[in-house]
Every structure is written in structure tokens, then in C-alpha cells.
Amino acid sequence: MGAGGRDVIRRAAGGLLWLDAKGGPLLAVVHRPKQNDWSLPKGKLENGETFPAAAVREVAEETGVQAELREFAGYAFVRTRKRDKLVLFWHMAARGPSRFRPSQEVDRLEWLPPRQALARLDSETDREVLRGALAARADQPVPAGSAREAPPTAAGAPARFSSR
């Protein structure tokens, strides 16, 4: 715990949200107007929330899509001057139609083939996560029923942190 009762490491979670399409799987990428960048959907954990629960919630908030959590996809650890940030990602399957509504946080949603999504992402950290996930799954859909929480050693850190 850092000064002022805040976590020393900012905790966030997100998803590689997949949509099965006739031409092959598509991946959701979002545009954040404040940062003026294209990103994977992700966000900070709420007090007491687990990483997987936060990933599903953040993906729904940013894309308007209810997602089915699948297997762990990877992580990003970002060092900054203010606070380091750990983001855990899961593969997710889109369930039902998108109810996307532009907001101040996310103003655009695009569904792209994996290689185009990789090219669209502005953050090298997001691109590294996606490259690793694509290599691990060899561009094949994640099998149904493979949802699980990240192993305790994922990212070299516990899968859940104290939020006090």
C-alpha cells in the first residue's frame, strides 16, 4: 500500500473480445478520445473486484457487448513515474449484439481481423499483448469452456491484490 492508502501498483483488466464472422474471427478495438488512440478494451479494478470480473465489466462498458470469459490471454506491466500498472487480459467471446454508445471515455468501436487490429493499436504494450496471444493460439478460436482465473504466478504477481 502506498501513501494515502492507495495501491502501489495500479490494477487493471481487459479483454481480447472476439466475434465469430463469416470471413474469420474479428477483434474489438476501441478509440479513446482523451488519449486520441486505439486500444484494447480495459480499465481499473473497483474496490474488492477480481481481475476476471473487472475484465468482463470493462469490456461491457467500453464496447456495449456482453462477453463470455475464456482463457487467460496475457498481461502488461507498465512502469511510470507516478505509479506502475499491471493489466491482465483474457480472451472473450462476444455474446449477443453490441449496444455500443459513444462516450467521453470511448467514442468508437471497430471489429477487425487480428492482423489489422494489431496494426490499428497505438500502444506498443497492447500490440505486445495481442502478438503474444495470437502466437499462443495460432489464430484459432479459443475453445468453449476454457474460462479460468489467471494462475497466481501470471505476470509475476498475485492474481488479486489488497485494495486497502
N, C-alpha and C. Protein backbone atom coordinates (compact mmCIF):
# COMPACT_ATOMS: atom_id res chain seq x y z
N MET A 1 0.84 -1.16 0.00
CA MET A 1 0.00 0.00 0.00
C MET A 1 0.89 1.23 0.00
N GLY A 2 0.57 2.16 -0.85
CA GLY A 2 1.34 3.39 -0.96
C GLY A 2 0.79 4.47 -0.06
N ALA A 3 1.35 5.64 -0.18
CA ALA A 3 0.91 6.79 0.60
C ALA A 3 -0.54 7.10 0.30
N GLY A 4 -1.27 7.52 1.30
CA GLY A 4 -2.67 7.89 1.11
C GLY A 4 -3.60 6.70 0.97
N GLY A 5 -3.12 5.48 1.32
CA GLY A 5 -3.98 4.31 1.26
C GLY A 5 -4.20 3.76 -0.14
N ARG A 6 -3.43 4.22 -1.13
CA ARG A 6 -3.59 3.73 -2.49
C ARG A 6 -2.66 2.56 -2.75
N ASP A 7 -3.10 1.66 -3.65
CA ASP A 7 -2.22 0.56 -4.04
C ASP A 7 -0.98 1.12 -4.70
N VAL A 8 0.16 0.49 -4.45
CA VAL A 8 1.41 0.91 -5.06
C VAL A 8 1.35 0.63 -6.57
N ILE A 9 0.73 -0.47 -6.96
CA ILE A 9 0.58 -0.83 -8.36
C ILE A 9 -0.87 -0.63 -8.76
N ARG A 10 -1.10 0.13 -9.81
CA ARG A 10 -2.46 0.31 -10.34
C ARG A 10 -2.85 -1.01 -11.01
N ARG A 11 -4.03 -1.52 -10.66
CA ARG A 11 -4.51 -2.80 -11.16
C ARG A 11 -5.59 -2.57 -12.19
N ALA A 12 -5.46 -3.24 -13.34
CA ALA A 12 -6.45 -3.10 -14.40
C ALA A 12 -6.63 -4.44 -15.09
N ALA A 13 -7.73 -4.54 -15.83
CA ALA A 13 -8.03 -5.78 -16.56
C ALA A 13 -8.75 -5.44 -17.84
N GLY A 14 -8.61 -6.33 -18.80
CA GLY A 14 -9.26 -6.10 -20.08
C GLY A 14 -9.42 -7.38 -20.86
N GLY A 15 -9.86 -7.21 -22.10
CA GLY A 15 -10.14 -8.39 -22.88
C GLY A 15 -9.78 -8.27 -24.34
N LEU A 16 -9.47 -9.41 -24.91
CA LEU A 16 -9.39 -9.56 -26.35
C LEU A 16 -10.75 -10.12 -26.72
N LEU A 17 -11.64 -9.24 -27.15
CA LEU A 17 -13.03 -9.58 -27.42
C LEU A 17 -13.17 -10.04 -28.86
N TRP A 18 -13.53 -11.31 -29.03
CA TRP A 18 -13.61 -11.94 -30.35
C TRP A 18 -15.06 -12.07 -30.80
N LEU A 19 -15.27 -11.85 -32.08
CA LEU A 19 -16.57 -12.04 -32.71
C LEU A 19 -16.38 -13.00 -33.87
N ASP A 20 -17.14 -14.10 -33.86
CA ASP A 20 -17.08 -15.04 -34.98
C ASP A 20 -17.78 -14.41 -36.17
N ALA A 21 -17.08 -14.35 -37.30
CA ALA A 21 -17.65 -13.78 -38.52
C ALA A 21 -17.39 -14.73 -39.68
N LYS A 22 -18.15 -14.58 -40.76
CA LYS A 22 -18.00 -15.48 -41.91
C LYS A 22 -16.58 -15.52 -42.45
N GLY A 23 -15.92 -14.36 -42.51
CA GLY A 23 -14.57 -14.30 -43.07
C GLY A 23 -13.47 -14.66 -42.08
N GLY A 24 -13.83 -15.00 -40.85
CA GLY A 24 -12.86 -15.31 -39.82
C GLY A 24 -13.11 -14.46 -38.58
N PRO A 25 -12.40 -14.75 -37.51
CA PRO A 25 -12.64 -14.03 -36.26
C PRO A 25 -12.25 -12.56 -36.37
N LEU A 26 -13.03 -11.72 -35.68
CA LEU A 26 -12.76 -10.29 -35.61
C LEU A 26 -12.50 -9.91 -34.16
N LEU A 27 -11.66 -8.92 -33.96
CA LEU A 27 -11.27 -8.46 -32.63
C LEU A 27 -11.75 -7.03 -32.43
N ALA A 28 -12.28 -6.74 -31.24
CA ALA A 28 -12.74 -5.39 -30.92
C ALA A 28 -11.57 -4.51 -30.51
N VAL A 29 -11.51 -3.31 -31.11
CA VAL A 29 -10.57 -2.28 -30.69
C VAL A 29 -11.39 -1.01 -30.47
N VAL A 30 -10.98 -0.22 -29.48
CA VAL A 30 -11.74 0.98 -29.13
C VAL A 30 -10.87 2.22 -29.28
N HIS A 31 -11.52 3.32 -29.62
CA HIS A 31 -10.82 4.60 -29.72
C HIS A 31 -11.14 5.41 -28.47
N ARG A 32 -10.09 5.91 -27.82
CA ARG A 32 -10.23 6.73 -26.62
C ARG A 32 -9.94 8.18 -27.01
N PRO A 33 -10.97 9.04 -27.03
CA PRO A 33 -10.75 10.42 -27.49
C PRO A 33 -9.80 11.22 -26.60
N LYS A 34 -9.82 10.98 -25.30
CA LYS A 34 -8.96 11.75 -24.39
C LYS A 34 -7.48 11.50 -24.72
N GLN A 35 -7.14 10.25 -25.02
CA GLN A 35 -5.76 9.90 -25.37
C GLN A 35 -5.54 9.96 -26.89
N ASN A 36 -6.63 10.08 -27.64
CA ASN A 36 -6.59 10.04 -29.10
C ASN A 36 -5.81 8.82 -29.59
N ASP A 37 -6.21 7.64 -29.08
CA ASP A 37 -5.54 6.41 -29.50
C ASP A 37 -6.53 5.26 -29.63
N TRP A 38 -6.07 4.21 -30.31
CA TRP A 38 -6.82 2.96 -30.44
C TRP A 38 -6.22 1.98 -29.45
N SER A 39 -7.08 1.27 -28.75
CA SER A 39 -6.65 0.45 -27.62
C SER A 39 -7.49 -0.82 -27.53
N LEU A 40 -6.98 -1.79 -26.78
CA LEU A 40 -7.81 -2.92 -26.37
C LEU A 40 -8.70 -2.43 -25.23
N PRO A 41 -9.93 -2.94 -25.13
CA PRO A 41 -10.78 -2.50 -24.02
C PRO A 41 -10.22 -2.98 -22.67
N LYS A 42 -10.11 -2.02 -21.74
CA LYS A 42 -9.55 -2.33 -20.43
C LYS A 42 -9.83 -1.18 -19.47
N GLY A 43 -9.65 -1.46 -18.18
CA GLY A 43 -9.84 -0.41 -17.20
C GLY A 43 -9.47 -0.87 -15.80
N LYS A 44 -9.52 0.07 -14.87
CA LYS A 44 -9.10 -0.18 -13.49
C LYS A 44 -10.10 -1.06 -12.74
N LEU A 45 -9.56 -1.83 -11.79
CA LEU A 45 -10.39 -2.63 -10.91
C LEU A 45 -11.08 -1.74 -9.89
N GLU A 46 -12.31 -2.08 -9.55
CA GLU A 46 -13.01 -1.41 -8.48
C GLU A 46 -12.63 -2.08 -7.17
N ASN A 47 -12.87 -1.40 -6.06
CA ASN A 47 -12.52 -1.90 -4.74
C ASN A 47 -13.10 -3.29 -4.51
N GLY A 48 -12.25 -4.27 -4.20
CA GLY A 48 -12.68 -5.63 -3.91
C GLY A 48 -12.97 -6.49 -5.12
N GLU A 49 -12.83 -5.96 -6.32
CA GLU A 49 -13.15 -6.68 -7.55
C GLU A 49 -11.99 -7.57 -7.98
N THR A 50 -12.29 -8.74 -8.52
CA THR A 50 -11.25 -9.62 -9.05
C THR A 50 -10.87 -9.17 -10.45
N PHE A 51 -9.72 -9.61 -10.90
CA PHE A 51 -9.28 -9.27 -12.25
C PHE A 51 -10.27 -9.77 -13.31
N PRO A 52 -10.72 -11.05 -13.27
CA PRO A 52 -11.66 -11.51 -14.30
C PRO A 52 -12.98 -10.73 -14.30
N ALA A 53 -13.51 -10.43 -13.12
CA ALA A 53 -14.77 -9.67 -13.05
C ALA A 53 -14.58 -8.27 -13.63
N ALA A 54 -13.46 -7.65 -13.34
CA ALA A 54 -13.18 -6.31 -13.88
C ALA A 54 -13.04 -6.37 -15.39
N ALA A 55 -12.39 -7.41 -15.90
CA ALA A 55 -12.21 -7.55 -17.35
C ALA A 55 -13.57 -7.61 -18.06
N VAL A 56 -14.47 -8.43 -17.56
CA VAL A 56 -15.81 -8.56 -18.16
C VAL A 56 -16.56 -7.24 -18.06
N ARG A 57 -16.51 -6.60 -16.91
CA ARG A 57 -17.22 -5.33 -16.71
C ARG A 57 -16.67 -4.25 -17.63
N GLU A 58 -15.36 -4.10 -17.68
CA GLU A 58 -14.75 -3.06 -18.51
C GLU A 58 -15.04 -3.28 -20.00
N VAL A 59 -14.97 -4.52 -20.45
CA VAL A 59 -15.27 -4.81 -21.86
C VAL A 59 -16.71 -4.44 -22.17
N ALA A 60 -17.63 -4.78 -21.27
CA ALA A 60 -19.04 -4.43 -21.48
C ALA A 60 -19.23 -2.91 -21.49
N GLU A 61 -18.59 -2.21 -20.57
CA GLU A 61 -18.72 -0.75 -20.50
C GLU A 61 -18.17 -0.06 -21.75
N GLU A 62 -17.05 -0.55 -22.26
CA GLU A 62 -16.39 0.14 -23.37
C GLU A 62 -16.90 -0.28 -24.74
N THR A 63 -17.47 -1.49 -24.86
CA THR A 63 -17.91 -1.98 -26.18
C THR A 63 -19.42 -2.15 -26.29
N GLY A 64 -20.12 -2.19 -25.16
CA GLY A 64 -21.55 -2.46 -25.19
C GLY A 64 -21.87 -3.92 -25.44
N VAL A 65 -20.89 -4.79 -25.33
CA VAL A 65 -21.05 -6.22 -25.62
C VAL A 65 -20.95 -7.02 -24.33
N GLN A 66 -21.91 -7.92 -24.13
CA GLN A 66 -21.78 -8.88 -23.04
C GLN A 66 -20.83 -9.97 -23.53
N ALA A 67 -19.82 -10.25 -22.74
CA ALA A 67 -18.77 -11.16 -23.17
C ALA A 67 -18.71 -12.39 -22.27
N GLU A 68 -18.35 -13.49 -22.89
CA GLU A 68 -18.11 -14.74 -22.16
C GLU A 68 -16.60 -14.85 -21.94
N LEU A 69 -16.20 -14.92 -20.69
CA LEU A 69 -14.79 -15.02 -20.34
C LEU A 69 -14.26 -16.37 -20.79
N ARG A 70 -13.12 -16.36 -21.44
CA ARG A 70 -12.45 -17.58 -21.88
C ARG A 70 -11.10 -17.68 -21.19
N GLU A 71 -10.08 -18.10 -21.90
CA GLU A 71 -8.79 -18.35 -21.25
C GLU A 71 -7.97 -17.07 -21.07
N PHE A 72 -7.05 -17.13 -20.13
CA PHE A 72 -6.13 -16.03 -19.86
C PHE A 72 -5.32 -15.76 -21.12
N ALA A 73 -5.20 -14.48 -21.52
CA ALA A 73 -4.54 -14.12 -22.78
C ALA A 73 -3.15 -13.52 -22.59
N GLY A 74 -2.88 -12.94 -21.44
CA GLY A 74 -1.58 -12.32 -21.24
C GLY A 74 -1.68 -11.13 -20.30
N TYR A 75 -0.57 -10.44 -20.16
CA TYR A 75 -0.52 -9.31 -19.24
C TYR A 75 0.41 -8.22 -19.77
N ALA A 76 0.25 -7.06 -19.21
CA ALA A 76 1.16 -5.95 -19.47
C ALA A 76 1.54 -5.34 -18.13
N PHE A 77 2.80 -5.05 -17.96
CA PHE A 77 3.27 -4.33 -16.78
C PHE A 77 3.95 -3.07 -17.27
N VAL A 78 3.40 -1.94 -16.88
CA VAL A 78 3.89 -0.65 -17.38
C VAL A 78 4.48 0.14 -16.22
N ARG A 79 5.72 0.56 -16.38
CA ARG A 79 6.38 1.39 -15.37
C ARG A 79 6.19 2.86 -15.74
N THR A 80 5.77 3.64 -14.76
CA THR A 80 5.63 5.09 -14.97
C THR A 80 6.27 5.81 -13.79
N ARG A 81 6.39 7.12 -13.92
CA ARG A 81 6.95 7.90 -12.81
C ARG A 81 5.99 7.93 -11.64
N LYS A 82 4.69 8.00 -11.91
CA LYS A 82 3.69 8.11 -10.84
C LYS A 82 3.44 6.78 -10.16
N ARG A 83 2.90 5.82 -10.92
CA ARG A 83 2.55 4.51 -10.37
C ARG A 83 2.66 3.46 -11.45
N ASP A 84 3.24 2.32 -11.12
CA ASP A 84 3.30 1.22 -12.07
C ASP A 84 1.91 0.65 -12.26
N LYS A 85 1.70 0.00 -13.40
CA LYS A 85 0.37 -0.51 -13.74
C LYS A 85 0.49 -1.95 -14.23
N LEU A 86 -0.34 -2.83 -13.69
CA LEU A 86 -0.44 -4.21 -14.12
C LEU A 86 -1.81 -4.42 -14.75
N VAL A 87 -1.84 -4.89 -16.00
CA VAL A 87 -3.10 -5.16 -16.70
C VAL A 87 -3.11 -6.63 -17.10
N LEU A 88 -4.12 -7.37 -16.66
CA LEU A 88 -4.30 -8.76 -17.06
C LEU A 88 -5.41 -8.82 -18.10
N PHE A 89 -5.19 -9.63 -19.15
CA PHE A 89 -6.15 -9.76 -20.25
C PHE A 89 -6.63 -11.20 -20.39
N TRP A 90 -7.90 -11.32 -20.79
CA TRP A 90 -8.50 -12.62 -21.10
C TRP A 90 -9.06 -12.60 -22.51
N HIS A 91 -9.04 -13.78 -23.15
CA HIS A 91 -9.81 -13.94 -24.38
C HIS A 91 -11.27 -13.92 -23.96
N MET A 92 -12.12 -13.33 -24.79
CA MET A 92 -13.55 -13.28 -24.52
C MET A 92 -14.30 -13.49 -25.82
N ALA A 93 -15.48 -14.09 -25.71
CA ALA A 93 -16.34 -14.28 -26.88
C ALA A 93 -17.54 -13.35 -26.76
N ALA A 94 -17.82 -12.62 -27.84
CA ALA A 94 -18.98 -11.72 -27.87
C ALA A 94 -20.24 -12.56 -27.85
N ARG A 95 -21.17 -12.19 -26.98
CA ARG A 95 -22.46 -12.87 -26.85
C ARG A 95 -23.56 -11.84 -27.05
N GLY A 96 -24.30 -11.96 -28.12
CA GLY A 96 -25.37 -11.01 -28.39
C GLY A 96 -24.87 -9.78 -29.12
N PRO A 97 -25.79 -8.93 -29.48
CA PRO A 97 -25.43 -7.73 -30.26
C PRO A 97 -24.72 -6.68 -29.41
N SER A 98 -23.98 -5.83 -30.09
CA SER A 98 -23.32 -4.72 -29.40
C SER A 98 -24.35 -3.63 -29.13
N ARG A 99 -24.31 -3.09 -27.94
CA ARG A 99 -25.13 -1.95 -27.58
C ARG A 99 -24.21 -0.74 -27.35
N PHE A 100 -23.19 -0.66 -28.21
CA PHE A 100 -22.19 0.40 -28.07
C PHE A 100 -22.83 1.77 -28.20
N ARG A 101 -22.44 2.64 -27.27
CA ARG A 101 -22.85 4.04 -27.29
C ARG A 101 -21.59 4.87 -27.09
N PRO A 102 -21.28 5.77 -28.03
CA PRO A 102 -20.09 6.62 -27.84
C PRO A 102 -20.19 7.40 -26.52
N SER A 103 -19.03 7.58 -25.89
CA SER A 103 -18.96 8.30 -24.62
C SER A 103 -17.69 9.14 -24.60
N GLN A 104 -17.48 9.85 -23.50
CA GLN A 104 -16.25 10.62 -23.36
C GLN A 104 -15.04 9.71 -23.22
N GLU A 105 -15.27 8.50 -22.70
CA GLU A 105 -14.17 7.56 -22.49
C GLU A 105 -13.81 6.81 -23.77
N VAL A 106 -14.84 6.34 -24.50
CA VAL A 106 -14.64 5.59 -25.74
C VAL A 106 -15.65 6.10 -26.76
N ASP A 107 -15.15 6.61 -27.87
CA ASP A 107 -16.08 7.19 -28.85
C ASP A 107 -16.26 6.35 -30.12
N ARG A 108 -15.42 5.31 -30.30
CA ARG A 108 -15.56 4.44 -31.47
C ARG A 108 -15.19 3.01 -31.12
N LEU A 109 -15.88 2.08 -31.78
CA LEU A 109 -15.62 0.65 -31.65
C LEU A 109 -15.48 0.10 -33.06
N GLU A 110 -14.42 -0.67 -33.30
CA GLU A 110 -14.25 -1.32 -34.59
C GLU A 110 -13.95 -2.79 -34.38
N TRP A 111 -14.47 -3.62 -35.28
CA TRP A 111 -14.22 -5.06 -35.31
C TRP A 111 -13.29 -5.32 -36.48
N LEU A 112 -12.09 -5.82 -36.20
CA LEU A 112 -11.09 -6.00 -37.24
C LEU A 112 -10.50 -7.40 -37.21
N PRO A 113 -10.05 -7.91 -38.37
CA PRO A 113 -9.28 -9.16 -38.36
C PRO A 113 -8.04 -8.96 -37.48
N PRO A 114 -7.52 -10.03 -36.90
CA PRO A 114 -6.42 -9.90 -35.94
C PRO A 114 -5.23 -9.08 -36.42
N ARG A 115 -4.77 -9.30 -37.63
CA ARG A 115 -3.58 -8.56 -38.12
C ARG A 115 -3.90 -7.08 -38.31
N GLN A 116 -5.11 -6.75 -38.76
CA GLN A 116 -5.48 -5.34 -38.89
C GLN A 116 -5.63 -4.69 -37.52
N ALA A 117 -6.16 -5.45 -36.56
CA ALA A 117 -6.27 -4.93 -35.20
C ALA A 117 -4.89 -4.62 -34.65
N LEU A 118 -3.95 -5.51 -34.90
CA LEU A 118 -2.58 -5.31 -34.44
C LEU A 118 -2.00 -4.01 -35.02
N ALA A 119 -2.26 -3.75 -36.28
CA ALA A 119 -1.76 -2.54 -36.93
C ALA A 119 -2.48 -1.29 -36.42
N ARG A 120 -3.74 -1.42 -36.02
CA ARG A 120 -4.53 -0.26 -35.58
C ARG A 120 -4.15 0.18 -34.18
N LEU A 121 -3.75 -0.74 -33.31
CA LEU A 121 -3.43 -0.39 -31.92
C LEU A 121 -2.26 0.59 -31.86
N ASP A 122 -2.41 1.64 -31.08
CA ASP A 122 -1.36 2.66 -30.95
C ASP A 122 -0.32 2.31 -29.90
N SER A 123 -0.72 1.62 -28.85
CA SER A 123 0.19 1.31 -27.75
C SER A 123 1.02 0.07 -28.06
N GLU A 124 2.33 0.21 -27.95
CA GLU A 124 3.20 -0.95 -28.14
C GLU A 124 2.89 -2.02 -27.11
N THR A 125 2.51 -1.61 -25.91
CA THR A 125 2.15 -2.57 -24.86
C THR A 125 0.95 -3.40 -25.30
N ASP A 126 -0.11 -2.77 -25.83
CA ASP A 126 -1.27 -3.51 -26.33
C ASP A 126 -0.87 -4.42 -27.49
N ARG A 127 -0.01 -3.93 -28.38
CA ARG A 127 0.43 -4.75 -29.51
C ARG A 127 1.20 -5.98 -29.02
N GLU A 128 2.04 -5.82 -28.00
CA GLU A 128 2.78 -6.96 -27.45
C GLU A 128 1.84 -8.00 -26.87
N VAL A 129 0.82 -7.54 -26.14
CA VAL A 129 -0.16 -8.47 -25.57
C VAL A 129 -0.86 -9.24 -26.69
N LEU A 130 -1.32 -8.51 -27.71
CA LEU A 130 -2.02 -9.16 -28.82
C LEU A 130 -1.10 -10.09 -29.59
N ARG A 131 0.13 -9.68 -29.87
CA ARG A 131 1.07 -10.56 -30.58
C ARG A 131 1.28 -11.86 -29.81
N GLY A 132 1.49 -11.74 -28.49
CA GLY A 132 1.69 -12.93 -27.67
C GLY A 132 0.48 -13.83 -27.66
N ALA A 133 -0.71 -13.24 -27.57
CA ALA A 133 -1.94 -14.02 -27.55
C ALA A 133 -2.17 -14.72 -28.89
N LEU A 134 -1.88 -14.02 -29.98
CA LEU A 134 -2.04 -14.62 -31.30
C LEU A 134 -1.07 -15.77 -31.51
N ALA A 135 0.16 -15.60 -31.07
CA ALA A 135 1.15 -16.66 -31.20
C ALA A 135 0.75 -17.88 -30.38
N ALA A 136 0.21 -17.64 -29.20
CA ALA A 136 -0.18 -18.74 -28.31
C ALA A 136 -1.38 -19.51 -28.84
N ARG A 137 -2.26 -18.84 -29.53
CA ARG A 137 -3.46 -19.53 -30.00
C ARG A 137 -3.43 -19.81 -31.49
N ALA A 138 -2.36 -19.41 -32.17
CA ALA A 138 -2.18 -19.66 -33.60
C ALA A 138 -3.41 -19.27 -34.40
N ASP A 139 -4.01 -18.13 -34.03
CA ASP A 139 -5.17 -17.58 -34.72
C ASP A 139 -6.39 -18.50 -34.73
N GLN A 140 -6.45 -19.44 -33.81
CA GLN A 140 -7.61 -20.33 -33.72
C GLN A 140 -8.52 -19.86 -32.62
N PRO A 141 -9.85 -20.02 -32.79
CA PRO A 141 -10.78 -19.63 -31.72
C PRO A 141 -10.46 -20.35 -30.43
N VAL A 142 -10.65 -19.68 -29.32
CA VAL A 142 -10.42 -20.27 -28.01
C VAL A 142 -11.54 -21.27 -27.74
N PRO A 143 -11.22 -22.49 -27.33
CA PRO A 143 -12.27 -23.49 -27.09
C PRO A 143 -13.25 -23.05 -26.01
N ALA A 144 -14.53 -23.39 -26.21
CA ALA A 144 -15.55 -23.08 -25.21
C ALA A 144 -15.25 -23.83 -23.93
N GLY A 145 -15.65 -23.25 -22.81
CA GLY A 145 -15.49 -23.93 -21.52
C GLY A 145 -14.09 -23.84 -20.96
N SER A 146 -13.25 -22.96 -21.51
CA SER A 146 -11.88 -22.89 -21.01
C SER A 146 -11.65 -21.70 -20.09
N ALA A 147 -12.73 -21.10 -19.60
CA ALA A 147 -12.59 -19.93 -18.73
C ALA A 147 -11.90 -20.33 -17.43
N ARG A 148 -11.00 -19.47 -17.00
CA ARG A 148 -10.34 -19.70 -15.72
C ARG A 148 -9.69 -18.42 -15.28
N GLU A 149 -9.45 -18.30 -14.01
CA GLU A 149 -8.75 -17.13 -13.49
C GLU A 149 -7.27 -17.32 -13.76
N ALA A 150 -6.56 -16.23 -13.92
CA ALA A 150 -5.12 -16.30 -14.17
C ALA A 150 -4.44 -17.05 -13.03
N PRO A 151 -3.44 -17.86 -13.37
CA PRO A 151 -2.72 -18.54 -12.30
C PRO A 151 -2.03 -17.53 -11.40
N PRO A 152 -1.82 -17.88 -10.13
CA PRO A 152 -1.23 -16.94 -9.19
C PRO A 152 0.11 -16.38 -9.64
N THR A 153 0.85 -17.12 -10.47
CA THR A 153 2.16 -16.64 -10.90
C THR A 153 2.08 -15.82 -12.18
N ALA A 154 0.89 -15.67 -12.78
CA ALA A 154 0.78 -14.88 -14.01
C ALA A 154 1.26 -13.47 -13.72
N ALA A 155 2.05 -12.95 -14.62
CA ALA A 155 2.59 -11.60 -14.52
C ALA A 155 3.56 -11.45 -13.35
N GLY A 156 3.96 -12.58 -12.75
CA GLY A 156 4.90 -12.49 -11.64
C GLY A 156 4.30 -11.83 -10.42
N ALA A 157 2.97 -11.82 -10.33
CA ALA A 157 2.30 -11.15 -9.22
C ALA A 157 1.03 -11.92 -8.89
N PRO A 158 0.50 -11.76 -7.70
CA PRO A 158 -0.74 -12.43 -7.36
C PRO A 158 -1.87 -12.01 -8.29
N ALA A 159 -2.84 -12.91 -8.51
CA ALA A 159 -3.97 -12.61 -9.38
C ALA A 159 -4.93 -11.64 -8.70
N ARG A 160 -4.80 -11.44 -7.42
CA ARG A 160 -5.67 -10.49 -6.70
C ARG A 160 -4.82 -9.75 -5.67
N PHE A 161 -5.04 -8.46 -5.58
CA PHE A 161 -4.29 -7.63 -4.65
C PHE A 161 -5.24 -7.09 -3.60
N SER A 162 -4.68 -6.70 -2.48
CA SER A 162 -5.45 -5.99 -1.48
C SER A 162 -5.78 -4.61 -2.02
N SER A 163 -7.02 -4.18 -1.83
CA SER A 163 -7.39 -2.87 -2.34
C SER A 163 -7.47 -1.83 -1.22
N ARG A 164 -6.98 -2.14 -0.07
CA ARG A 164 -6.99 -1.17 1.03
C ARG A 164 -5.69 -0.43 1.11
